[in-house]
Amino acid sequence: ERRSEERKPLVPGEQTSMITDAETTEIISRSFEYTVGLLDFILDMLKMHFDGNLFIGFKKKLRQSFAREISEKADWDNLVERDERTERRKIELEGQIIGLKESLADVKRFERSM
C-alpha cells in the first residue's frame, strides 16, 4: 500500500499534558511522512498530466504530418500485390458504375420531358 494513502494520528492518544521530546520527535516524523505522501501524490498527478499532454501532442503531430507523408511517399503499386480476380472485379464494378450513371441520366431526361 502506498504511504500517501495511509492514515495515522499525528500523536498517540495517550500523550502527556506537557509535550515530551519523544512526542516532538513523533510529530516531526509524522509531519515528514505526511509531506512525503503529499509530494508522492503531487508527483503522480504531474506525471499523469505530462503524459496526457504528451499523448495529445503526439496525436496532433501524427494527424498533421504523419498521414500526409505516408500517403505522399508511399509506393502503392509495390505495397500491394496485383490480383487478377480483383482487377477483373474492379473493371466489372467500373462498368456497373458507368451503367448506373447512364441510367440516372436517362431517368432525369425522362423526368424533364414530363
Protein backbone atom coordinates (compact mmCIF):
# COMPACT_ATOMS: atom_id res chain seq x y z
CA GLU A 1 0.00 0.00 0.00
CA ARG A 2 1.23 3.50 -0.72
CA ARG A 3 2.38 5.82 2.01
CA SER A 4 0.16 8.61 0.67
CA GLU A 5 -2.95 6.51 1.34
CA GLU A 6 -2.16 5.64 4.97
CA ARG A 7 -3.96 7.48 7.77
CA LYS A 8 -2.22 7.91 11.10
CA PRO A 9 -2.96 10.22 14.01
CA LEU A 10 -0.38 12.95 14.46
CA VAL A 11 0.38 11.94 18.04
CA PRO A 12 -0.72 8.89 20.00
CA GLY A 13 -3.86 9.25 22.16
CA GLU A 14 -2.00 8.67 25.42
CA GLN A 15 0.03 11.87 25.29
CA THR A 16 1.13 13.73 28.43
CA SER A 17 -0.01 17.20 29.47
CA MET A 18 3.46 18.61 28.67
CA ILE A 19 4.87 17.60 25.31
CA THR A 20 7.95 15.42 25.65
CA ASP A 21 10.96 15.00 23.40
CA ALA A 22 9.61 11.65 22.24
CA GLU A 23 6.29 13.21 21.26
CA THR A 24 8.08 16.06 19.48
CA THR A 25 10.13 13.53 17.55
CA GLU A 26 6.94 11.59 16.75
CA ILE A 27 5.20 14.76 15.50
CA ILE A 28 8.19 15.69 13.34
CA SER A 29 8.38 12.14 11.98
CA ARG A 30 4.66 12.04 11.15
CA SER A 31 4.84 15.51 9.59
CA PHE A 32 7.70 14.32 7.40
CA GLU A 33 5.70 11.23 6.38
CA TYR A 34 2.73 13.45 5.54
CA THR A 35 4.93 15.75 3.45
CA VAL A 36 6.46 12.78 1.61
CA GLY A 37 3.00 11.34 0.95
CA LEU A 38 1.78 14.71 -0.31
CA LEU A 39 4.78 15.02 -2.61
CA ASP A 40 4.15 11.48 -3.93
CA PHE A 41 0.58 12.45 -4.71
CA ILE A 42 1.62 15.70 -6.43
CA LEU A 43 4.27 13.88 -8.48
CA ASP A 44 1.73 11.25 -9.56
CA MET A 45 -0.66 14.00 -10.65
CA LEU A 46 2.11 15.81 -12.55
CA LYS A 47 3.14 12.59 -14.30
CA MET A 48 -0.45 11.97 -15.31
CA HIS A 49 -0.83 15.49 -16.72
CA PHE A 50 2.53 15.40 -18.50
CA ASP A 51 1.69 12.00 -20.03
CA GLY A 52 -1.72 13.29 -21.10
CA ASN A 53 -0.26 16.40 -22.72
CA LEU A 54 2.48 14.39 -24.44
CA PHE A 55 -0.11 11.98 -25.79
CA ILE A 56 -2.33 14.79 -27.08
CA GLY A 57 0.68 16.50 -28.70
CA PHE A 58 1.78 13.21 -30.25
CA LYS A 59 -1.69 12.64 -31.69
CA LYS A 60 -1.76 16.16 -33.17
CA LYS A 61 1.66 15.72 -34.73
CA LEU A 62 0.65 12.38 -36.21
CA ARG A 63 -2.54 13.84 -37.60
CA GLN A 64 -0.74 16.82 -39.15
CA SER A 65 2.24 15.27 -40.83
CA PHE A 66 2.46 11.51 -40.50
CA ALA A 67 -0.60 10.58 -42.53
CA ARG A 68 0.23 13.09 -45.25
CA GLU A 69 3.83 11.88 -45.52
CA ILE A 70 2.76 8.25 -45.74
CA SER A 71 0.19 8.88 -48.43
CA GLU A 72 2.52 11.12 -50.47
CA LYS A 73 5.65 8.99 -50.22
CA ALA A 74 4.10 5.56 -50.38
CA ASP A 75 4.66 3.48 -53.50
CA TRP A 76 1.21 1.92 -53.58
CA ASP A 77 1.99 -0.33 -56.55
CA ASN A 78 4.76 -2.09 -54.61
CA LEU A 79 2.82 -2.27 -51.36
CA VAL A 80 0.00 -4.37 -52.78
CA GLU A 81 0.34 -7.42 -54.98
CA ARG A 82 -1.77 -7.39 -58.11
CA ASP A 83 -4.58 -9.92 -58.09
CA GLU A 84 -6.14 -10.91 -61.39
CA ARG A 85 -9.57 -11.54 -59.82
CA THR A 86 -9.52 -8.16 -58.13
CA GLU A 87 -8.58 -6.42 -61.37
CA ARG A 88 -11.45 -8.15 -63.21
CA ARG A 89 -13.89 -7.27 -60.41
CA LYS A 90 -12.69 -3.65 -60.49
CA ILE A 91 -13.32 -3.42 -64.24
CA GLU A 92 -16.74 -5.03 -63.76
CA LEU A 93 -17.68 -2.57 -60.99
CA GLU A 94 -16.46 0.41 -63.02
CA GLY A 95 -18.71 -0.79 -65.88
CA GLN A 96 -21.65 -1.03 -63.49
CA ILE A 97 -20.97 2.48 -62.22
CA ILE A 98 -20.96 3.81 -65.78
CA GLY A 99 -24.21 1.93 -66.49
CA LEU A 100 -25.86 3.34 -63.36
CA LYS A 101 -24.78 6.88 -64.27
CA GLU A 102 -26.25 6.45 -67.75
CA SER A 103 -29.48 5.07 -66.29
CA LEU A 104 -29.69 8.00 -63.89
CA ALA A 105 -29.18 10.42 -66.77
CA ASP A 106 -31.97 8.65 -68.70
CA VAL A 107 -34.31 8.94 -65.69
CA LYS A 108 -33.53 12.65 -65.36
CA ARG A 109 -34.21 13.20 -69.07
CA PHE A 110 -37.48 11.29 -68.75
CA GLU A 111 -38.50 13.42 -65.72
CA ARG A 112 -37.74 16.64 -67.62
CA SER A 113 -39.82 15.53 -70.58
CA MET A 114 -42.90 15.01 -68.39
